[in-house]
All heavy atoms as atom14 arrays in JSON, in Angstrom:
{
  "sequence": "SYWYNLTGGRPALYVVCRDEEGEFRPVVVTANH",
  "atom14_mask": [
    [1, 1, 1, 1, 1, 1, 0, 0, 0, 0, 0, 0, 0, 0],
    [1, 1, 1, 1, 1, 1, 1, 1, 1, 1, 1, 1, 0, 0],
    [1, 1, 1, 1, 1, 1, 1, 1, 1, 1, 1, 1, 1, 1],
    [1, 1, 1, 1, 1, 1, 1, 1, 1, 1, 1, 1, 0, 0],
    [1, 1, 1, 1, 1, 1, 1, 1, 0, 0, 0, 0, 0, 0],
    [1, 1, 1, 1, 1, 1, 1, 1, 0, 0, 0, 0, 0, 0],
    [1, 1, 1, 1, 1, 1, 1, 0, 0, 0, 0, 0, 0, 0],
    [1, 1, 1, 1, 0, 0, 0, 0, 0, 0, 0, 0, 0, 0],
    [1, 1, 1, 1, 0, 0, 0, 0, 0, 0, 0, 0, 0, 0],
    [1, 1, 1, 1, 1, 1, 1, 1, 1, 1, 1, 0, 0, 0],
    [1, 1, 1, 1, 1, 1, 1, 0, 0, 0, 0, 0, 0, 0],
    [1, 1, 1, 1, 1, 0, 0, 0, 0, 0, 0, 0, 0, 0],
    [1, 1, 1, 1, 1, 1, 1, 1, 0, 0, 0, 0, 0, 0],
    [1, 1, 1, 1, 1, 1, 1, 1, 1, 1, 1, 1, 0, 0],
    [1, 1, 1, 1, 1, 1, 1, 0, 0, 0, 0, 0, 0, 0],
    [1, 1, 1, 1, 1, 1, 1, 0, 0, 0, 0, 0, 0, 0],
    [1, 1, 1, 1, 1, 1, 0, 0, 0, 0, 0, 0, 0, 0],
    [1, 1, 1, 1, 1, 1, 1, 1, 1, 1, 1, 0, 0, 0],
    [1, 1, 1, 1, 1, 1, 1, 1, 0, 0, 0, 0, 0, 0],
    [1, 1, 1, 1, 1, 1, 1, 1, 1, 0, 0, 0, 0, 0],
    [1, 1, 1, 1, 1, 1, 1, 1, 1, 0, 0, 0, 0, 0],
    [1, 1, 1, 1, 0, 0, 0, 0, 0, 0, 0, 0, 0, 0],
    [1, 1, 1, 1, 1, 1, 1, 1, 1, 0, 0, 0, 0, 0],
    [1, 1, 1, 1, 1, 1, 1, 1, 1, 1, 1, 0, 0, 0],
    [1, 1, 1, 1, 1, 1, 1, 1, 1, 1, 1, 0, 0, 0],
    [1, 1, 1, 1, 1, 1, 1, 0, 0, 0, 0, 0, 0, 0],
    [1, 1, 1, 1, 1, 1, 1, 0, 0, 0, 0, 0, 0, 0],
    [1, 1, 1, 1, 1, 1, 1, 0, 0, 0, 0, 0, 0, 0],
    [1, 1, 1, 1, 1, 1, 1, 0, 0, 0, 0, 0, 0, 0],
    [1, 1, 1, 1, 1, 1, 1, 0, 0, 0, 0, 0, 0, 0],
    [1, 1, 1, 1, 1, 0, 0, 0, 0, 0, 0, 0, 0, 0],
    [1, 1, 1, 1, 1, 1, 1, 1, 0, 0, 0, 0, 0, 0],
    [1, 1, 1, 1, 1, 1, 1, 1, 1, 1, 0, 0, 0, 0]
  ],
  "atom14_positions": [
    [[-4.85, -6.85, 8.95], [-3.48, -6.78, 8.44], [-2.58, -7.8, 9.15], [-1.76, -8.46, 8.51], [-2.91, -5.37, 8.6], [-1.59, -5.31, 8.11], [0.0, 0.0, 0.0], [0.0, 0.0, 0.0], [0.0, 0.0, 0.0], [0.0, 0.0, 0.0], [0.0, 0.0, 0.0], [0.0, 0.0, 0.0], [0.0, 0.0, 0.0], [0.0, 0.0, 0.0]],
    [[-2.76, -7.95, 10.47], [-1.97, -8.93, 11.22], [-2.28, -10.35, 10.71], [-1.39, -11.18, 10.59], [-2.26, -8.85, 12.72], [-2.06, -7.51, 13.35], [-2.86, -7.11, 14.42], [-1.09, -6.62, 12.92], [-2.69, -5.88, 15.03], [-0.91, -5.39, 13.53], [-1.72, -5.02, 14.58], [-1.56, -3.8, 15.19], [0.0, 0.0, 0.0], [0.0, 0.0, 0.0]],
    [[-3.56, -10.6, 10.44], [-3.97, -11.91, 9.96], [-3.28, -12.23, 8.63], [-2.74, -13.32, 8.45], [-5.49, -11.97, 9.82], [-5.99, -13.3, 9.33], [-6.14, -14.44, 10.06], [-6.37, -13.63, 8.0], [-6.6, -15.46, 9.27], [-6.76, -14.98, 7.99], [-6.44, -12.9, 6.81], [-7.19, -15.63, 6.85], [-6.87, -13.54, 5.67], [-7.24, -14.89, 5.7]],
    [[-3.29, -11.27, 7.7], [-2.62, -11.48, 6.41], [-1.11, -11.7, 6.62], [-0.5, -12.5, 5.93], [-2.86, -10.31, 5.46], [-4.23, -10.34, 4.83], [-5.15, -9.35, 5.1], [-4.59, -11.38, 3.98], [-6.42, -9.38, 4.53], [-5.86, -11.42, 3.41], [-6.77, -10.41, 3.68], [-8.01, -10.45, 3.12], [0.0, 0.0, 0.0], [0.0, 0.0, 0.0]],
    [[-0.53, -10.98, 7.57], [0.89, -11.16, 7.87], [1.16, -12.59, 8.35], [2.05, -13.26, 7.85], [1.32, -10.14, 8.93], [2.8, -10.18, 9.25], [3.55, -11.02, 8.8], [3.23, -9.25, 10.08], [0.0, 0.0, 0.0], [0.0, 0.0, 0.0], [0.0, 0.0, 0.0], [0.0, 0.0, 0.0], [0.0, 0.0, 0.0], [0.0, 0.0, 0.0]],
    [[0.36, -13.06, 9.3], [0.58, -14.39, 9.88], [0.32, -15.52, 8.89], [0.96, -16.57, 8.97], [-0.3, -14.58, 11.12], [0.06, -13.74, 12.34], [-0.98, -13.95, 13.44], [1.45, -14.07, 12.84], [0.0, 0.0, 0.0], [0.0, 0.0, 0.0], [0.0, 0.0, 0.0], [0.0, 0.0, 0.0], [0.0, 0.0, 0.0], [0.0, 0.0, 0.0]],
    [[-0.62, -15.31, 7.97], [-0.97, -16.39, 7.04], [-0.2, -16.3, 5.73], [-0.34, -17.17, 4.87], [-2.49, -16.39, 6.75], [-2.86, -15.13, 6.17], [-3.28, -16.67, 8.01], [0.0, 0.0, 0.0], [0.0, 0.0, 0.0], [0.0, 0.0, 0.0], [0.0, 0.0, 0.0], [0.0, 0.0, 0.0], [0.0, 0.0, 0.0], [0.0, 0.0, 0.0]],
    [[0.62, -15.29, 5.57], [1.43, -15.15, 4.36], [2.62, -16.09, 4.38], [2.85, -16.83, 5.34], [0.0, 0.0, 0.0], [0.0, 0.0, 0.0], [0.0, 0.0, 0.0], [0.0, 0.0, 0.0], [0.0, 0.0, 0.0], [0.0, 0.0, 0.0], [0.0, 0.0, 0.0], [0.0, 0.0, 0.0], [0.0, 0.0, 0.0], [0.0, 0.0, 0.0]],
    [[3.39, -16.05, 3.32], [4.53, -16.95, 3.18], [5.65, -16.69, 4.18], [6.35, -17.62, 4.58], [0.0, 0.0, 0.0], [0.0, 0.0, 0.0], [0.0, 0.0, 0.0], [0.0, 0.0, 0.0], [0.0, 0.0, 0.0], [0.0, 0.0, 0.0], [0.0, 0.0, 0.0], [0.0, 0.0, 0.0], [0.0, 0.0, 0.0], [0.0, 0.0, 0.0]],
    [[5.84, -15.44, 4.59], [6.91, -15.09, 5.53], [6.4, -14.1, 6.58], [6.57, -12.89, 6.43], [8.06, -14.43, 4.78], [8.89, -15.38, 4.02], [10.12, -14.66, 3.55], [11.07, -15.61, 3.04], [12.04, -15.31, 2.24], [12.22, -14.07, 1.86], [12.87, -16.23, 1.83], [0.0, 0.0, 0.0], [0.0, 0.0, 0.0], [0.0, 0.0, 0.0]],
    [[5.8, -14.59, 7.65], [5.36, -13.68, 8.7], [6.55, -12.87, 9.22], [7.65, -13.4, 9.37], [4.81, -14.6, 9.79], [4.51, -15.89, 9.08], [5.49, -15.98, 7.96], [0.0, 0.0, 0.0], [0.0, 0.0, 0.0], [0.0, 0.0, 0.0], [0.0, 0.0, 0.0], [0.0, 0.0, 0.0], [0.0, 0.0, 0.0], [0.0, 0.0, 0.0]],
    [[6.33, -11.58, 9.47], [7.45, -10.72, 9.85], [7.01, -9.6, 10.78], [5.84, -9.22, 10.81], [8.07, -10.1, 8.59], [0.0, 0.0, 0.0], [0.0, 0.0, 0.0], [0.0, 0.0, 0.0], [0.0, 0.0, 0.0], [0.0, 0.0, 0.0], [0.0, 0.0, 0.0], [0.0, 0.0, 0.0], [0.0, 0.0, 0.0], [0.0, 0.0, 0.0]],
    [[7.98, -9.09, 11.51], [7.84, -7.8, 12.16], [8.58, -6.82, 11.27], [9.58, -7.17, 10.63], [8.45, -7.8, 13.56], [7.74, -8.66, 14.6], [8.46, -8.55, 15.94], [6.28, -8.26, 14.74], [0.0, 0.0, 0.0], [0.0, 0.0, 0.0], [0.0, 0.0, 0.0], [0.0, 0.0, 0.0], [0.0, 0.0, 0.0], [0.0, 0.0, 0.0]],
    [[8.11, -5.6, 11.25], [8.73, -4.57, 10.43], [9.34, -3.52, 11.35], [8.65, -2.98, 12.22], [7.7, -3.94, 9.49], [7.05, -4.98, 8.62], [5.82, -5.54, 8.98], [7.68, -5.47, 7.49], [5.24, -6.53, 8.21], [7.11, -6.45, 6.71], [5.88, -6.98, 7.08], [5.31, -7.97, 6.32], [0.0, 0.0, 0.0], [0.0, 0.0, 0.0]],
    [[10.62, -3.29, 11.16], [11.34, -2.31, 11.98], [11.59, -1.09, 11.1], [12.25, -1.18, 10.07], [12.67, -2.88, 12.51], [13.41, -1.83, 13.34], [12.42, -4.15, 13.32], [0.0, 0.0, 0.0], [0.0, 0.0, 0.0], [0.0, 0.0, 0.0], [0.0, 0.0, 0.0], [0.0, 0.0, 0.0], [0.0, 0.0, 0.0], [0.0, 0.0, 0.0]],
    [[11.03, 0.03, 11.52], [11.18, 1.29, 10.8], [12.34, 2.05, 11.44], [12.36, 2.26, 12.65], [9.9, 2.13, 10.88], [10.06, 3.46, 10.17], [8.7, 1.35, 10.32], [0.0, 0.0, 0.0], [0.0, 0.0, 0.0], [0.0, 0.0, 0.0], [0.0, 0.0, 0.0], [0.0, 0.0, 0.0], [0.0, 0.0, 0.0], [0.0, 0.0, 0.0]],
    [[13.31, 2.43, 10.6], [14.49, 3.14, 11.09], [14.63, 4.46, 10.34], [14.22, 4.58, 9.19], [15.75, 2.31, 10.88], [15.78, 0.75, 11.8], [0.0, 0.0, 0.0], [0.0, 0.0, 0.0], [0.0, 0.0, 0.0], [0.0, 0.0, 0.0], [0.0, 0.0, 0.0], [0.0, 0.0, 0.0], [0.0, 0.0, 0.0], [0.0, 0.0, 0.0]],
    [[15.26, 5.4, 11.01], [15.59, 6.67, 10.35], [16.81, 7.27, 11.01], [17.2, 6.88, 12.11], [14.4, 7.63, 10.34], [13.92, 8.1, 11.68], [12.8, 9.13, 11.57], [11.59, 8.57, 11.02], [10.41, 8.59, 11.63], [10.28, 9.15, 12.81], [9.36, 8.05, 11.07], [0.0, 0.0, 0.0], [0.0, 0.0, 0.0], [0.0, 0.0, 0.0]],
    [[17.39, 8.19, 10.31], [18.56, 8.91, 10.82], [18.04, 10.15, 11.54], [17.48, 11.05, 10.91], [19.48, 9.31, 9.66], [20.86, 9.68, 10.13], [20.97, 10.33, 11.18], [21.82, 9.32, 9.45], [0.0, 0.0, 0.0], [0.0, 0.0, 0.0], [0.0, 0.0, 0.0], [0.0, 0.0, 0.0], [0.0, 0.0, 0.0], [0.0, 0.0, 0.0]],
    [[18.19, 10.16, 12.85], [17.74, 11.29, 13.66], [18.94, 11.88, 14.39], [19.62, 11.16, 15.12], [16.67, 10.86, 14.68], [15.37, 10.45, 14.04], [14.3, 10.12, 15.06], [14.64, 9.87, 16.25], [13.12, 10.11, 14.68], [0.0, 0.0, 0.0], [0.0, 0.0, 0.0], [0.0, 0.0, 0.0], [0.0, 0.0, 0.0], [0.0, 0.0, 0.0]],
    [[19.17, 13.14, 14.15], [20.28, 13.85, 14.79], [21.61, 13.12, 14.56], [22.43, 12.99, 15.47], [20.0, 14.02, 16.28], [18.73, 14.8, 16.56], [18.36, 14.85, 18.04], [19.17, 14.44, 18.89], [17.24, 15.28, 18.33], [0.0, 0.0, 0.0], [0.0, 0.0, 0.0], [0.0, 0.0, 0.0], [0.0, 0.0, 0.0], [0.0, 0.0, 0.0]],
    [[21.81, 12.62, 13.34], [23.05, 11.95, 12.99], [23.18, 10.53, 13.52], [24.22, 9.91, 13.4], [0.0, 0.0, 0.0], [0.0, 0.0, 0.0], [0.0, 0.0, 0.0], [0.0, 0.0, 0.0], [0.0, 0.0, 0.0], [0.0, 0.0, 0.0], [0.0, 0.0, 0.0], [0.0, 0.0, 0.0], [0.0, 0.0, 0.0], [0.0, 0.0, 0.0]],
    [[22.12, 10.0, 14.08], [22.13, 8.64, 14.66], [21.09, 7.79, 13.94], [19.91, 8.11, 13.95], [21.81, 8.71, 16.15], [21.81, 7.38, 16.85], [23.21, 6.85, 17.05], [24.05, 7.6, 17.57], [23.44, 5.69, 16.68], [0.0, 0.0, 0.0], [0.0, 0.0, 0.0], [0.0, 0.0, 0.0], [0.0, 0.0, 0.0], [0.0, 0.0, 0.0]],
    [[21.52, 6.7, 13.31], [20.6, 5.75, 12.69], [19.97, 4.92, 13.79], [20.68, 4.28, 14.56], [21.36, 4.86, 11.7], [20.47, 3.92, 10.95], [19.83, 4.33, 9.8], [20.29, 2.62, 11.4], [19.01, 3.46, 9.09], [19.47, 1.75, 10.71], [18.83, 2.17, 9.55], [0.0, 0.0, 0.0], [0.0, 0.0, 0.0], [0.0, 0.0, 0.0]],
    [[18.64, 4.96, 13.87], [17.98, 4.29, 14.98], [16.61, 3.73, 14.58], [15.95, 4.28, 13.71], [17.81, 5.23, 16.15], [16.91, 6.42, 15.83], [16.67, 7.36, 16.97], [17.9, 7.92, 17.44], [18.09, 8.34, 18.69], [17.11, 8.28, 19.55], [19.23, 8.84, 19.06], [0.0, 0.0, 0.0], [0.0, 0.0, 0.0], [0.0, 0.0, 0.0]],
    [[16.19, 2.66, 15.26], [14.83, 2.17, 15.06], [13.86, 3.11, 15.78], [14.14, 3.58, 16.89], [14.85, 0.79, 15.71], [15.97, 0.83, 16.69], [16.96, 1.83, 16.18], [0.0, 0.0, 0.0], [0.0, 0.0, 0.0], [0.0, 0.0, 0.0], [0.0, 0.0, 0.0], [0.0, 0.0, 0.0], [0.0, 0.0, 0.0], [0.0, 0.0, 0.0]],
    [[12.74, 3.4, 15.13], [11.75, 4.29, 15.73], [10.38, 3.63, 15.9], [9.59, 4.06, 16.73], [11.61, 5.61, 14.94], [12.89, 6.44, 15.07], [11.28, 5.38, 13.48], [0.0, 0.0, 0.0], [0.0, 0.0, 0.0], [0.0, 0.0, 0.0], [0.0, 0.0, 0.0], [0.0, 0.0, 0.0], [0.0, 0.0, 0.0], [0.0, 0.0, 0.0]],
    [[10.1, 2.61, 15.09], [8.8, 1.92, 15.15], [9.03, 0.45, 14.89], [9.82, 0.08, 14.01], [7.81, 2.48, 14.09], [6.53, 1.66, 14.04], [7.5, 3.94, 14.32], [0.0, 0.0, 0.0], [0.0, 0.0, 0.0], [0.0, 0.0, 0.0], [0.0, 0.0, 0.0], [0.0, 0.0, 0.0], [0.0, 0.0, 0.0], [0.0, 0.0, 0.0]],
    [[8.32, -0.39, 15.64], [8.26, -1.82, 15.37], [6.79, -2.15, 15.22], [5.98, -1.81, 16.1], [8.9, -2.66, 16.49], [8.8, -4.15, 16.17], [10.36, -2.26, 16.72], [0.0, 0.0, 0.0], [0.0, 0.0, 0.0], [0.0, 0.0, 0.0], [0.0, 0.0, 0.0], [0.0, 0.0, 0.0], [0.0, 0.0, 0.0], [0.0, 0.0, 0.0]],
    [[6.42, -2.79, 14.11], [5.02, -3.08, 13.85], [4.87, -4.44, 13.18], [5.8, -4.94, 12.55], [4.38, -1.98, 12.96], [2.99, -2.27, 12.77], [5.05, -1.89, 11.6], [0.0, 0.0, 0.0], [0.0, 0.0, 0.0], [0.0, 0.0, 0.0], [0.0, 0.0, 0.0], [0.0, 0.0, 0.0], [0.0, 0.0, 0.0], [0.0, 0.0, 0.0]],
    [[3.69, -5.02, 13.32], [3.35, -6.25, 12.62], [2.39, -5.94, 11.46], [1.95, -6.84, 10.76], [2.7, -7.25, 13.57], [0.0, 0.0, 0.0], [0.0, 0.0, 0.0], [0.0, 0.0, 0.0], [0.0, 0.0, 0.0], [0.0, 0.0, 0.0], [0.0, 0.0, 0.0], [0.0, 0.0, 0.0], [0.0, 0.0, 0.0], [0.0, 0.0, 0.0]],
    [[2.1, -4.66, 11.27], [1.14, -4.21, 10.26], [1.89, -3.85, 8.98], [2.6, -2.85, 8.92], [0.37, -3.01, 10.81], [-0.7, -2.51, 9.88], [-0.59, -2.62, 8.66], [-1.74, -1.95, 10.46], [0.0, 0.0, 0.0], [0.0, 0.0, 0.0], [0.0, 0.0, 0.0], [0.0, 0.0, 0.0], [0.0, 0.0, 0.0], [0.0, 0.0, 0.0]],
    [[1.71, -4.67, 7.94], [2.39, -4.45, 6.66], [2.0, -3.1, 6.06], [2.84, -2.42, 5.47], [2.05, -5.58, 5.69], [2.73, -5.41, 4.38], [2.15, -4.72, 3.34], [3.94, -5.8, 3.94], [2.99, -4.71, 2.31], [4.06, -5.37, 2.65], [0.0, 0.0, 0.0], [0.0, 0.0, 0.0], [0.0, 0.0, 0.0], [0.0, 0.0, 0.0]]
  ]
}
């Protein structure tokens, strides 16, 4: 998955966010699409 990310048109990190206890926050950072 990392290989496909790096060789694709727009390599990216993905930041997963959610609202926890009334606070919007990042919870996961991944390079896996």
